[in-house]
Protein backbone atom coordinates (compact mmCIF):
# COMPACT_ATOMS: atom_id res chain seq x y z
CA MET A 1 194.14 29.66 171.00
CA ARG A 2 193.33 27.23 173.74
CA TYR A 3 193.82 23.87 172.11
CA SER A 4 196.52 21.26 171.78
CA ILE A 5 197.07 18.32 169.47
CA ASN A 6 199.18 15.32 170.50
CA ILE A 7 199.73 12.01 168.74
CA ASP A 8 199.41 8.71 170.60
CA HIS A 9 201.28 6.29 168.33
CA GLU A 10 200.69 3.33 170.63
CA HIS A 11 196.89 3.57 170.29
CA ARG A 12 196.92 5.17 166.79
CA VAL A 13 194.93 8.13 168.10
CA ILE A 14 195.29 11.86 167.68
CA ASN A 15 194.37 13.63 170.91
CA TYR A 16 192.79 17.04 170.35
CA THR A 17 192.05 19.00 173.54
CA HIS A 18 190.20 22.29 173.63
CA ASP A 19 188.82 24.29 176.54
CA GLY A 20 187.06 27.62 177.04
CA SER A 21 184.64 28.99 174.47
CA ILE A 22 185.06 27.07 171.22
CA SER A 23 184.09 29.12 168.17
CA LEU A 24 183.89 28.15 164.52
CA ALA A 25 187.13 30.02 163.78
CA GLN A 26 188.94 28.04 166.49
CA LEU A 27 187.59 24.75 165.16
CA GLU A 28 188.73 25.71 161.65
CA GLU A 29 192.24 26.46 162.88
CA ALA A 30 192.48 23.16 164.73
CA TRP A 31 191.14 21.20 161.75
CA ASP A 32 193.68 22.88 159.48
CA GLN A 33 196.38 21.54 161.79
CA LEU A 34 194.76 18.08 161.93
CA LEU A 35 194.59 17.90 158.15
CA GLY A 36 198.32 18.66 158.04
CA CYS A 37 199.01 15.62 160.21
CA LYS A 38 200.06 12.59 158.12
CA GLU A 39 198.99 10.23 160.90
CA PHE A 40 195.44 11.50 160.42
CA THR A 41 195.37 11.91 156.65
CA GLU A 42 197.55 8.99 155.53
CA GLN A 43 197.88 6.50 158.40
CA SER A 44 194.25 6.06 159.50
CA PHE A 45 194.70 7.32 163.05
CA ASN A 46 191.41 8.04 164.82
CA LEU A 47 190.55 11.26 166.63
CA LEU A 48 189.92 11.81 170.34
CA SER A 49 188.43 15.28 170.88
CA ASP A 50 188.44 16.37 174.52
CA TYR A 51 186.13 19.36 175.00
CA ARG A 52 185.83 19.01 178.79
CA GLY A 53 186.06 22.44 180.32
CA GLY A 54 184.93 23.95 177.03
CA LYS A 55 181.71 24.97 175.39
CA LEU A 56 180.92 24.88 171.69
CA ILE A 57 179.61 28.28 170.59
CA LEU A 58 178.04 27.55 167.21
CA SER A 59 175.00 28.98 165.44
CA LYS A 60 172.75 27.02 163.05
CA GLU A 61 174.71 28.52 160.15
CA ASN A 62 177.97 27.42 161.79
CA LEU A 63 176.64 23.87 162.16
CA LYS A 64 175.79 23.77 158.45
CA PHE A 65 179.29 25.05 157.63
CA VAL A 66 180.88 22.34 159.83
CA ASN A 67 178.71 19.69 158.20
CA ASP A 68 179.63 20.90 154.70
CA PHE A 69 183.31 21.07 155.63
CA LEU A 70 183.34 17.51 156.97
CA ARG A 71 181.66 16.32 153.77
CA SER A 72 184.37 18.10 151.77
CA VAL A 73 187.07 15.99 153.49
CA ARG A 74 185.01 12.79 153.26
CA VAL A 75 187.85 10.87 151.60
CA ILE A 76 190.01 11.40 154.72
CA LEU A 77 187.25 10.75 157.28
CA GLU A 78 185.50 7.78 155.74
CA GLY A 79 185.85 4.73 157.98
CA LYS A 80 187.55 6.65 160.81
CA LYS A 81 186.27 7.19 164.33
CA GLN A 82 186.04 10.34 166.42
CA ALA A 83 185.31 10.11 170.13
CA VAL A 84 184.12 13.41 171.58
CA VAL A 85 184.42 13.86 175.35
CA VAL A 86 182.23 16.62 176.76
CA ASP A 87 180.97 17.83 180.12
CA ASP A 88 178.70 20.67 178.99
CA PRO A 89 175.03 20.09 178.01
CA VAL A 90 175.14 22.35 174.93
CA SER A 91 178.34 20.76 173.63
CA THR A 92 176.87 17.32 174.29
CA ALA A 93 173.77 18.15 172.25
CA ILE A 94 175.81 19.54 169.35
CA SER A 95 178.08 16.49 169.34
CA ILE A 96 175.14 14.07 169.39
CA LEU A 97 173.59 15.88 166.40
CA PHE A 98 176.65 14.93 164.35
CA GLU A 99 176.80 11.27 165.40
CA GLU A 100 174.14 9.82 163.09
CA LYS A 101 174.54 12.46 160.38
CA MET A 102 178.25 11.75 159.87
CA LEU A 103 177.77 7.99 159.88
CA LEU A 104 174.99 8.16 157.28
CA ASP A 105 176.52 10.93 155.14
CA ILE A 106 180.19 9.95 155.02
CA LYS A 107 180.67 6.78 157.11
CA PHE A 108 182.59 8.75 159.74
CA LYS A 109 181.84 7.23 163.15
CA VAL A 110 181.37 9.96 165.77
CA LYS A 111 180.40 9.05 169.34
CA THR A 112 179.95 11.24 172.41
CA PHE A 113 181.36 10.29 175.82
CA SER A 114 181.60 11.75 179.30
CA THR A 115 184.91 10.06 180.23
CA MET A 116 188.27 9.75 178.50
CA GLU A 117 188.55 6.10 179.50
CA ALA A 118 185.32 5.09 177.73
CA ALA A 119 186.21 7.18 174.68
CA LEU A 120 189.68 5.63 174.30
CA LYS A 121 188.34 2.12 174.84
CA TRP A 122 185.81 2.64 172.00
CA LEU A 123 188.46 4.11 169.68
CA VAL A 124 190.92 1.25 170.02
CA GLN A 125 188.49 -1.68 169.87
């Protein structure tokens, strides 16, 4: 598994970093760990997902599964923000697909960035 999760208490952000090929199974494992994090589930910390150096490998069926999964944890995500930092065109496109859908469906604010600085600035404002 090529991911790490670190908690930034100062900014109230959970930093999730993943590189290499990112499959549905790997996303599921990371989300299981995130959902076990009280800062995320109980203390309203936002999420900073750094996929630079990685590439999301997801089929249409996988995208539907991810969408359904995120809806299933709506009570935890509602009102939170997720900044997604990417440097791969496919991963950028996948992330952008979720931006409006998550906001409309569950009021989860997802935004795609190309730099960590811009992503963190948006999360903490």
